[in-house]
Amino acid sequence: MPTYSSKANTKFLLQEVEITAALQGMEDDELYETGSSYSANALLYPDHEMTFVQKHLAYLKGRPQLDPQHYLANLRLRIKVRK
């Protein structure tokens, strides 16, 4: 298992805070379609609902090779409500 320096951990935590804020901003904005999703994991989600923010944070955490800023930009394009 790789070890991480506290500097790397601090950078990751700061990035996670920024990503969470960006996702929360999308969730709060009516211009984006950000409904919750079903989750079969009753231990983590007793009501079987995973919020938009939880879903995309979990996705990014599971794929550390992704560039979060690029992912967020593509996500904004994909979920924008078109009239």
PDB file of N, CA and C in Angstrom:
ATOM      1  N   MET A   1       0.848  -1.173   0.000  1.00  0.00           N
ATOM      2  CA  MET A   1       0.000   0.000   0.000  1.00  0.00           C
ATOM      3  C   MET A   1       0.898   1.243   0.000  1.00  0.00           C
ATOM      4  N   PRO A   2       0.622   2.200  -0.886  1.00  0.00           N
ATOM      5  CA  PRO A   2       1.472   3.385  -0.938  1.00  0.00           C
ATOM      6  C   PRO A   2       1.268   4.272   0.286  1.00  0.00           C
ATOM      7  N   THR A   3       2.335   4.945   0.657  1.00  0.00           N
ATOM      8  CA  THR A   3       2.222   5.903   1.749  1.00  0.00           C
ATOM      9  C   THR A   3       2.186   7.304   1.159  1.00  0.00           C
ATOM     10  N   TYR A   4       1.485   8.181   1.811  1.00  0.00           N
ATOM     11  CA  TYR A   4       1.324   9.539   1.316  1.00  0.00           C
ATOM     12  C   TYR A   4       1.858  10.525   2.351  1.00  0.00           C
ATOM     13  N   SER A   5       2.497  11.533   1.879  1.00  0.00           N
ATOM     14  CA  SER A   5       2.990  12.554   2.796  1.00  0.00           C
ATOM     15  C   SER A   5       1.827  13.417   3.264  1.00  0.00           C
ATOM     16  N   SER A   6       2.047  14.112   4.367  1.00  0.00           N
ATOM     17  CA  SER A   6       0.987  14.988   4.862  1.00  0.00           C
ATOM     18  C   SER A   6       0.735  16.125   3.883  1.00  0.00           C
ATOM     19  N   LYS A   7       1.770  16.514   3.136  1.00  0.00           N
ATOM     20  CA  LYS A   7       1.605  17.556   2.117  1.00  0.00           C
ATOM     21  C   LYS A   7       0.656  17.076   1.014  1.00  0.00           C
ATOM     22  N   ALA A   8       0.813  15.825   0.583  1.00  0.00           N
ATOM     23  CA  ALA A   8      -0.076  15.258  -0.436  1.00  0.00           C
ATOM     24  C   ALA A   8      -1.490  15.116   0.106  1.00  0.00           C
ATOM     25  N   ASN A   9      -1.614  14.696   1.377  1.00  0.00           N
ATOM     26  CA  ASN A   9      -2.938  14.568   1.990  1.00  0.00           C
ATOM     27  C   ASN A   9      -3.628  15.923   2.084  1.00  0.00           C
ATOM     28  N   THR A  10      -2.869  16.945   2.461  1.00  0.00           N
ATOM     29  CA  THR A  10      -3.430  18.284   2.567  1.00  0.00           C
ATOM     30  C   THR A  10      -3.911  18.770   1.213  1.00  0.00           C
ATOM     31  N   LYS A  11      -3.114  18.531   0.178  1.00  0.00           N
ATOM     32  CA  LYS A  11      -3.494  18.944  -1.180  1.00  0.00           C
ATOM     33  C   LYS A  11      -4.776  18.228  -1.606  1.00  0.00           C
ATOM     34  N   PHE A  12      -4.856  16.912  -1.334  1.00  0.00           N
ATOM     35  CA  PHE A  12      -6.038  16.154  -1.705  1.00  0.00           C
ATOM     36  C   PHE A  12      -7.266  16.671  -0.957  1.00  0.00           C
ATOM     37  N   LEU A  13      -7.126  16.940   0.336  1.00  0.00           N
ATOM     38  CA  LEU A  13      -8.266  17.427   1.111  1.00  0.00           C
ATOM     39  C   LEU A  13      -8.734  18.790   0.627  1.00  0.00           C
ATOM     40  N   LEU A  14      -7.798  19.678   0.303  1.00  0.00           N
ATOM     41  CA  LEU A  14      -8.179  20.982  -0.243  1.00  0.00           C
ATOM     42  C   LEU A  14      -8.899  20.809  -1.573  1.00  0.00           C
ATOM     43  N   GLN A  15      -8.388  19.912  -2.402  1.00  0.00           N
ATOM     44  CA  GLN A  15      -9.025  19.662  -3.689  1.00  0.00           C
ATOM     45  C   GLN A  15     -10.420  19.073  -3.484  1.00  0.00           C
ATOM     46  N   GLU A  16     -10.565  18.180  -2.514  1.00  0.00           N
ATOM     47  CA  GLU A  16     -11.871  17.578  -2.240  1.00  0.00           C
ATOM     48  C   GLU A  16     -12.875  18.638  -1.782  1.00  0.00           C
ATOM     49  N   VAL A  17     -12.431  19.592  -0.988  1.00  0.00           N
ATOM     50  CA  VAL A  17     -13.303  20.676  -0.531  1.00  0.00           C
ATOM     51  C   VAL A  17     -13.762  21.508  -1.725  1.00  0.00           C
ATOM     52  N   GLU A  18     -12.844  21.815  -2.626  1.00  0.00           N
ATOM     53  CA  GLU A  18     -13.193  22.595  -3.822  1.00  0.00           C
ATOM     54  C   GLU A  18     -14.154  21.828  -4.728  1.00  0.00           C
ATOM     55  N   ILE A  19     -13.907  20.542  -4.903  1.00  0.00           N
ATOM     56  CA  ILE A  19     -14.770  19.708  -5.745  1.00  0.00           C
ATOM     57  C   ILE A  19     -16.164  19.621  -5.131  1.00  0.00           C
ATOM     58  N   THR A  20     -16.226  19.407  -3.822  1.00  0.00           N
ATOM     59  CA  THR A  20     -17.516  19.324  -3.130  1.00  0.00           C
ATOM     60  C   THR A  20     -18.290  20.628  -3.293  1.00  0.00           C
ATOM     61  N   ALA A  21     -17.595  21.753  -3.161  1.00  0.00           N
ATOM     62  CA  ALA A  21     -18.257  23.055  -3.317  1.00  0.00           C
ATOM     63  C   ALA A  21     -18.783  23.231  -4.741  1.00  0.00           C
ATOM     64  N   ALA A  22     -18.008  22.805  -5.736  1.00  0.00           N
ATOM     65  CA  ALA A  22     -18.448  22.916  -7.132  1.00  0.00           C
ATOM     66  C   ALA A  22     -19.664  22.028  -7.387  1.00  0.00           C
ATOM     67  N   LEU A  23     -19.633  20.807  -6.872  1.00  0.00           N
ATOM     68  CA  LEU A  23     -20.771  19.891  -7.047  1.00  0.00           C
ATOM     69  C   LEU A  23     -22.004  20.415  -6.325  1.00  0.00           C
ATOM     70  N   GLN A  24     -21.811  20.949  -5.125  1.00  0.00           N
ATOM     71  CA  GLN A  24     -22.941  21.498  -4.367  1.00  0.00           C
ATOM     72  C   GLN A  24     -23.528  22.698  -5.105  1.00  0.00           C
ATOM     73  N   GLY A  25     -22.677  23.503  -5.712  1.00  0.00           N
ATOM     74  CA  GLY A  25     -23.151  24.638  -6.497  1.00  0.00           C
ATOM     75  C   GLY A  25     -24.021  24.192  -7.662  1.00  0.00           C
ATOM     76  N   MET A  26     -23.610  23.096  -8.331  1.00  0.00           N
ATOM     77  CA  MET A  26     -24.424  22.561  -9.429  1.00  0.00           C
ATOM     78  C   MET A  26     -25.746  22.031  -8.905  1.00  0.00           C
ATOM     79  N   GLU A  27     -25.691  21.342  -7.762  1.00  0.00           N
ATOM     80  CA  GLU A  27     -26.908  20.766  -7.181  1.00  0.00           C
ATOM     81  C   GLU A  27     -27.899  21.864  -6.791  1.00  0.00           C
ATOM     82  N   ASP A  28     -27.400  22.991  -6.328  1.00  0.00           N
ATOM     83  CA  ASP A  28     -28.258  24.099  -5.902  1.00  0.00           C
ATOM     84  C   ASP A  28     -28.785  24.934  -7.066  1.00  0.00           C
ATOM     85  N   ASP A  29     -28.167  24.811  -8.227  1.00  0.00           N
ATOM     86  CA  ASP A  29     -28.532  25.613  -9.394  1.00  0.00           C
ATOM     87  C   ASP A  29     -29.619  24.912 -10.208  1.00  0.00           C
ATOM     88  N   GLU A  30     -30.682  25.629 -10.506  1.00  0.00           N
ATOM     89  CA  GLU A  30     -31.800  25.050 -11.261  1.00  0.00           C
ATOM     90  C   GLU A  30     -31.447  24.795 -12.729  1.00  0.00           C
ATOM     91  N   LEU A  31     -30.320  25.313 -13.190  1.00  0.00           N
ATOM     92  CA  LEU A  31     -29.919  25.111 -14.581  1.00  0.00           C
ATOM     93  C   LEU A  31     -29.346  23.721 -14.826  1.00  0.00           C
ATOM     94  N   TYR A  32     -29.155  22.953 -13.750  1.00  0.00           N
ATOM     95  CA  TYR A  32     -28.590  21.610 -13.876  1.00  0.00           C
ATOM     96  C   TYR A  32     -29.545  20.571 -13.327  1.00  0.00           C
ATOM     97  N   GLU A  33     -29.584  19.428 -13.979  1.00  0.00           N
ATOM     98  CA  GLU A  33     -30.419  18.307 -13.550  1.00  0.00           C
ATOM     99  C   GLU A  33     -29.568  17.427 -12.631  1.00  0.00           C
ATOM    100  N   THR A  34     -29.856  17.482 -11.332  1.00  0.00           N
ATOM    101  CA  THR A  34     -28.988  16.837 -10.346  1.00  0.00           C
ATOM    102  C   THR A  34     -29.754  15.975  -9.354  1.00  0.00           C
ATOM    103  N   GLY A  35     -30.619  15.138  -9.834  1.00  0.00           N
ATOM    104  CA  GLY A  35     -31.400  14.290  -8.934  1.00  0.00           C
ATOM    105  C   GLY A  35     -30.551  13.257  -8.228  1.00  0.00           C
ATOM    106  N   SER A  36     -31.095  12.695  -7.162  1.00  0.00           N
ATOM    107  CA  SER A  36     -30.383  11.644  -6.441  1.00  0.00           C
ATOM    108  C   SER A  36     -30.481  10.331  -7.218  1.00  0.00           C
ATOM    109  N   SER A  37     -29.645   9.382  -6.825  1.00  0.00           N
ATOM    110  CA  SER A  37     -29.587   8.083  -7.496  1.00  0.00           C
ATOM    111  C   SER A  37     -29.845   6.970  -6.496  1.00  0.00           C
ATOM    112  N   TYR A  38     -30.300   5.844  -6.993  1.00  0.00           N
ATOM    113  CA  TYR A  38     -30.507   4.666  -6.152  1.00  0.00           C
ATOM    114  C   TYR A  38     -29.155   4.049  -5.815  1.00  0.00           C
ATOM    115  N   SER A  39     -29.012   3.590  -4.583  1.00  0.00           N
ATOM    116  CA  SER A  39     -27.823   2.856  -4.166  1.00  0.00           C
ATOM    117  C   SER A  39     -28.266   1.600  -3.428  1.00  0.00           C
ATOM    118  N   ALA A  40     -27.715   0.477  -3.809  1.00  0.00           N
ATOM    119  CA  ALA A  40     -28.070  -0.780  -3.170  1.00  0.00           C
ATOM    120  C   ALA A  40     -27.371  -0.961  -1.827  1.00  0.00           C
ATOM    121  N   ASN A  41     -26.388  -0.135  -1.531  1.00  0.00           N
ATOM    122  CA  ASN A  41     -25.628  -0.241  -0.295  1.00  0.00           C
ATOM    123  C   ASN A  41     -26.413   0.376   0.868  1.00  0.00           C
ATOM    124  N   ALA A  42     -27.139  -0.473   1.574  1.00  0.00           N
ATOM    125  CA  ALA A  42     -27.981   0.006   2.680  1.00  0.00           C
ATOM    126  C   ALA A  42     -27.163   0.401   3.902  1.00  0.00           C
ATOM    127  N   LEU A  43     -25.918  -0.063   3.991  1.00  0.00           N
ATOM    128  CA  LEU A  43     -25.081   0.321   5.125  1.00  0.00           C
ATOM    129  C   LEU A  43     -24.650   1.782   5.018  1.00  0.00           C
ATOM    130  N   LEU A  44     -24.257   2.199   3.827  1.00  0.00           N
ATOM    131  CA  LEU A  44     -23.853   3.594   3.626  1.00  0.00           C
ATOM    132  C   LEU A  44     -25.044   4.519   3.400  1.00  0.00           C
ATOM    133  N   TYR A  45     -26.076   4.003   2.743  1.00  0.00           N
ATOM    134  CA  TYR A  45     -27.235   4.816   2.378  1.00  0.00           C
ATOM    135  C   TYR A  45     -28.509   4.085   2.824  1.00  0.00           C
ATOM    136  N   PRO A  46     -28.891   4.239   4.100  1.00  0.00           N
ATOM    137  CA  PRO A  46     -30.043   3.499   4.628  1.00  0.00           C
ATOM    138  C   PRO A  46     -31.340   3.730   3.854  1.00  0.00           C
ATOM    139  N   ASP A  47     -31.488   4.906   3.281  1.00  0.00           N
ATOM    140  CA  ASP A  47     -32.697   5.184   2.506  1.00  0.00           C
ATOM    141  C   ASP A  47     -32.520   4.825   1.029  1.00  0.00           C
ATOM    142  N   HIS A  48     -31.381   4.221   0.698  1.00  0.00           N
ATOM    143  CA  HIS A  48     -31.043   3.784  -0.666  1.00  0.00           C
ATOM    144  C   HIS A  48     -30.957   4.946  -1.656  1.00  0.00           C
ATOM    145  N   GLU A  49     -30.744   6.138  -1.160  1.00  0.00           N
ATOM    146  CA  GLU A  49     -30.582   7.298  -2.036  1.00  0.00           C
ATOM    147  C   GLU A  49     -29.207   7.902  -1.849  1.00  0.00           C
ATOM    148  N   MET A  50     -28.548   8.125  -2.973  1.00  0.00           N
ATOM    149  CA  MET A  50     -27.228   8.733  -2.990  1.00  0.00           C
ATOM    150  C   MET A  50     -27.394  10.102  -3.632  1.00  0.00           C
ATOM    151  N   THR A  51     -27.006  11.155  -2.919  1.00  0.00           N
ATOM    152  CA  THR A  51     -27.174  12.487  -3.486  1.00  0.00           C
ATOM    153  C   THR A  51     -26.239  12.682  -4.677  1.00  0.00           C
ATOM    154  N   PHE A  52     -26.516  13.691  -5.451  1.00  0.00           N
ATOM    155  CA  PHE A  52     -25.689  14.047  -6.602  1.00  0.00           C
ATOM    156  C   PHE A  52     -24.231  14.249  -6.181  1.00  0.00           C
ATOM    157  N   VAL A  53     -24.024  14.984  -5.094  1.00  0.00           N
ATOM    158  CA  VAL A  53     -22.666  15.273  -4.614  1.00  0.00           C
ATOM    159  C   VAL A  53     -21.979  13.976  -4.185  1.00  0.00           C
ATOM    160  N   GLN A  54     -22.652  13.145  -3.401  1.00  0.00           N
ATOM    161  CA  GLN A  54     -22.078  11.879  -2.939  1.00  0.00           C
ATOM    162  C   GLN A  54     -21.688  10.986  -4.120  1.00  0.00           C
ATOM    163  N   LYS A  55     -22.564  10.910  -5.099  1.00  0.00           N
ATOM    164  CA  LYS A  55     -22.344  10.054  -6.259  1.00  0.00           C
ATOM    165  C   LYS A  55     -21.086  10.463  -7.030  1.00  0.00           C
ATOM    166  N   HIS A  56     -20.955  11.744  -7.301  1.00  0.00           N
ATOM    167  CA  HIS A  56     -19.822  12.186  -8.115  1.00  0.00           C
ATOM    168  C   HIS A  56     -18.522  12.249  -7.314  1.00  0.00           C
ATOM    169  N   LEU A  57     -18.594  12.516  -6.017  1.00  0.00           N
ATOM    170  CA  LEU A  57     -17.388  12.444  -5.181  1.00  0.00           C
ATOM    171  C   LEU A  57     -16.877  11.001  -5.124  1.00  0.00           C
ATOM    172  N   ALA A  58     -17.776  10.052  -4.944  1.00  0.00           N
ATOM    173  CA  ALA A  58     -17.384   8.638  -4.912  1.00  0.00           C
ATOM    174  C   ALA A  58     -16.753   8.232  -6.242  1.00  0.00           C
ATOM    175  N   TYR A  59     -17.325   8.698  -7.339  1.00  0.00           N
ATOM    176  CA  TYR A  59     -16.785   8.376  -8.667  1.00  0.00           C
ATOM    177  C   TYR A  59     -15.360   8.907  -8.805  1.00  0.00           C
ATOM    178  N   LEU A  60     -15.148  10.158  -8.416  1.00  0.00           N
ATOM    179  CA  LEU A  60     -13.814  10.752  -8.530  1.00  0.00           C
ATOM    180  C   LEU A  60     -12.814  10.105  -7.573  1.00  0.00           C
ATOM    181  N   LYS A  61     -13.243   9.769  -6.378  1.00  0.00           N
ATOM    182  CA  LYS A  61     -12.340   9.111  -5.423  1.00  0.00           C
ATOM    183  C   LYS A  61     -11.912   7.735  -5.925  1.00  0.00           C
ATOM    184  N   GLY A  62     -12.798   7.072  -6.625  1.00  0.00           N
ATOM    185  CA  GLY A  62     -12.494   5.746  -7.158  1.00  0.00           C
ATOM    186  C   GLY A  62     -11.642   5.771  -8.412  1.00  0.00           C
ATOM    187  N   ARG A  63     -11.444   6.939  -8.983  1.00  0.00           N
ATOM    188  CA  ARG A  63     -10.658   7.082 -10.212  1.00  0.00           C
ATOM    189  C   ARG A  63      -9.668   8.242 -10.059  1.00  0.00           C
ATOM    190  N   PRO A  64      -8.610   8.023  -9.274  1.00  0.00           N
ATOM    191  CA  PRO A  64      -7.662   9.107  -9.006  1.00  0.00           C
ATOM    192  C   PRO A  64      -6.909   9.590 -10.243  1.00  0.00           C
ATOM    193  N   GLN A  65      -6.935   8.825 -11.323  1.00  0.00           N
ATOM    194  CA  GLN A  65      -6.235   9.241 -12.541  1.00  0.00           C
ATOM    195  C   GLN A  65      -6.993  10.334 -13.300  1.00  0.00           C
ATOM    196  N   LEU A  66      -8.268  10.554 -12.971  1.00  0.00           N
ATOM    197  CA  LEU A  66      -9.055  11.584 -13.653  1.00  0.00           C
ATOM    198  C   LEU A  66      -8.667  12.979 -13.179  1.00  0.00           C
ATOM    199  N   ASP A  67      -8.725  13.918 -14.083  1.00  0.00           N
ATOM    200  CA  ASP A  67      -8.534  15.325 -13.734  1.00  0.00           C
ATOM    201  C   ASP A  67      -9.891  15.859 -13.271  1.00  0.00           C
ATOM    202  N   PRO A  68     -10.026  16.203 -11.993  1.00  0.00           N
ATOM    203  CA  PRO A  68     -11.326  16.633 -11.472  1.00  0.00           C
ATOM    204  C   PRO A  68     -11.903  17.850 -12.189  1.00  0.00           C
ATOM    205  N   GLN A  69     -11.060  18.810 -12.555  1.00  0.00           N
ATOM    206  CA  GLN A  69     -11.560  20.007 -13.230  1.00  0.00           C
ATOM    207  C   GLN A  69     -12.132  19.662 -14.606  1.00  0.00           C
ATOM    208  N   HIS A  70     -11.469  18.766 -15.300  1.00  0.00           N
ATOM    209  CA  HIS A  70     -11.962  18.320 -16.608  1.00  0.00           C
ATOM    210  C   HIS A  70     -13.281  17.560 -16.436  1.00  0.00           C
ATOM    211  N   TYR A  71     -13.329  16.695 -15.422  1.00  0.00           N
ATOM    212  CA  TYR A  71     -14.539  15.932 -15.144  1.00  0.00           C
ATOM    213  C   TYR A  71     -15.717  16.856 -14.839  1.00  0.00           C
ATOM    214  N   LEU A  72     -15.479  17.862 -13.989  1.00  0.00           N
ATOM    215  CA  LEU A  72     -16.543  18.793 -13.630  1.00  0.00           C
ATOM    216  C   LEU A  72     -17.023  19.593 -14.842  1.00  0.00           C
ATOM    217  N   ALA A  73     -16.098  19.997 -15.706  1.00  0.00           N
ATOM    218  CA  ALA A  73     -16.481  20.744 -16.914  1.00  0.00           C
ATOM    219  C   ALA A  73     -17.365  19.886 -17.816  1.00  0.00           C
ATOM    220  N   ASN A  74     -16.982  18.633 -18.008  1.00  0.00           N
ATOM    221  CA  ASN A  74     -17.791  17.735 -18.832  1.00  0.00           C
ATOM    222  C   ASN A  74     -19.139  17.438 -18.183  1.00  0.00           C
ATOM    223  N   LEU A  75     -19.136  17.294 -16.861  1.00  0.00           N
ATOM    224  CA  LEU A  75     -20.373  17.037 -16.135  1.00  0.00           C
ATOM    225  C   LEU A  75     -21.344  18.206 -16.302  1.00  0.00           C
ATOM    226  N   ARG A  76     -20.845  19.426 -16.202  1.00  0.00           N
ATOM    227  CA  ARG A  76     -21.706  20.610 -16.386  1.00  0.00           C
ATOM    228  C   ARG A  76     -22.367  20.593 -17.765  1.00  0.00           C
ATOM    229  N   LEU A  77     -21.601  20.244 -18.786  1.00  0.00           N
ATOM    230  CA  LEU A  77     -22.149  20.189 -20.142  1.00  0.00           C
ATOM    231  C   LEU A  77     -23.216  19.106 -20.258  1.00  0.00           C
ATOM    232  N   ARG A  78     -22.957  17.962 -19.620  1.00  0.00           N
ATOM    233  CA  ARG A  78     -23.849  16.823 -19.748  1.00  0.00           C
ATOM    234  C   ARG A  78     -25.168  16.997 -19.012  1.00  0.00           C
ATOM    235  N   ILE A  79     -25.173  17.696 -17.886  1.00  0.00           N
ATOM    236  CA  ILE A  79     -26.393  17.753 -17.072  1.00  0.00           C
ATOM    237  C   ILE A  79     -27.142  19.089 -17.182  1.00  0.00           C
ATOM    238  N   LYS A  80     -26.655  19.970 -18.029  1.00  0.00           N
ATOM    239  CA  LYS A  80     -27.317  21.267 -18.179  1.00  0.00           C
ATOM    240  C   LYS A  80     -28.711  21.072 -18.769  1.00  0.00           C
ATOM    241  N   VAL A  81     -29.681  21.733 -18.180  1.00  0.00           N
ATOM    242  CA  VAL A  81     -31.059  21.657 -18.657  1.00  0.00           C
ATOM    243  C   VAL A  81     -31.176  22.519 -19.899  1.00  0.00           C
ATOM    244  N   ARG A  82     -31.609  21.913 -20.972  1.00  0.00           N
ATOM    245  CA  ARG A  82     -31.755  22.631 -22.252  1.00  0.00           C
ATOM    246  C   ARG A  82     -33.227  22.925 -22.461  1.00  0.00           C
ATOM    247  N   LYS A  83     -33.501  24.151 -22.850  1.00  0.00           N
ATOM    248  CA  LYS A  83     -34.905  24.538 -23.044  1.00  0.00           C
ATOM    249  C   LYS A  83     -35.224  24.702 -24.506  1.00  0.00           C
TER     250      LYS A  83
END
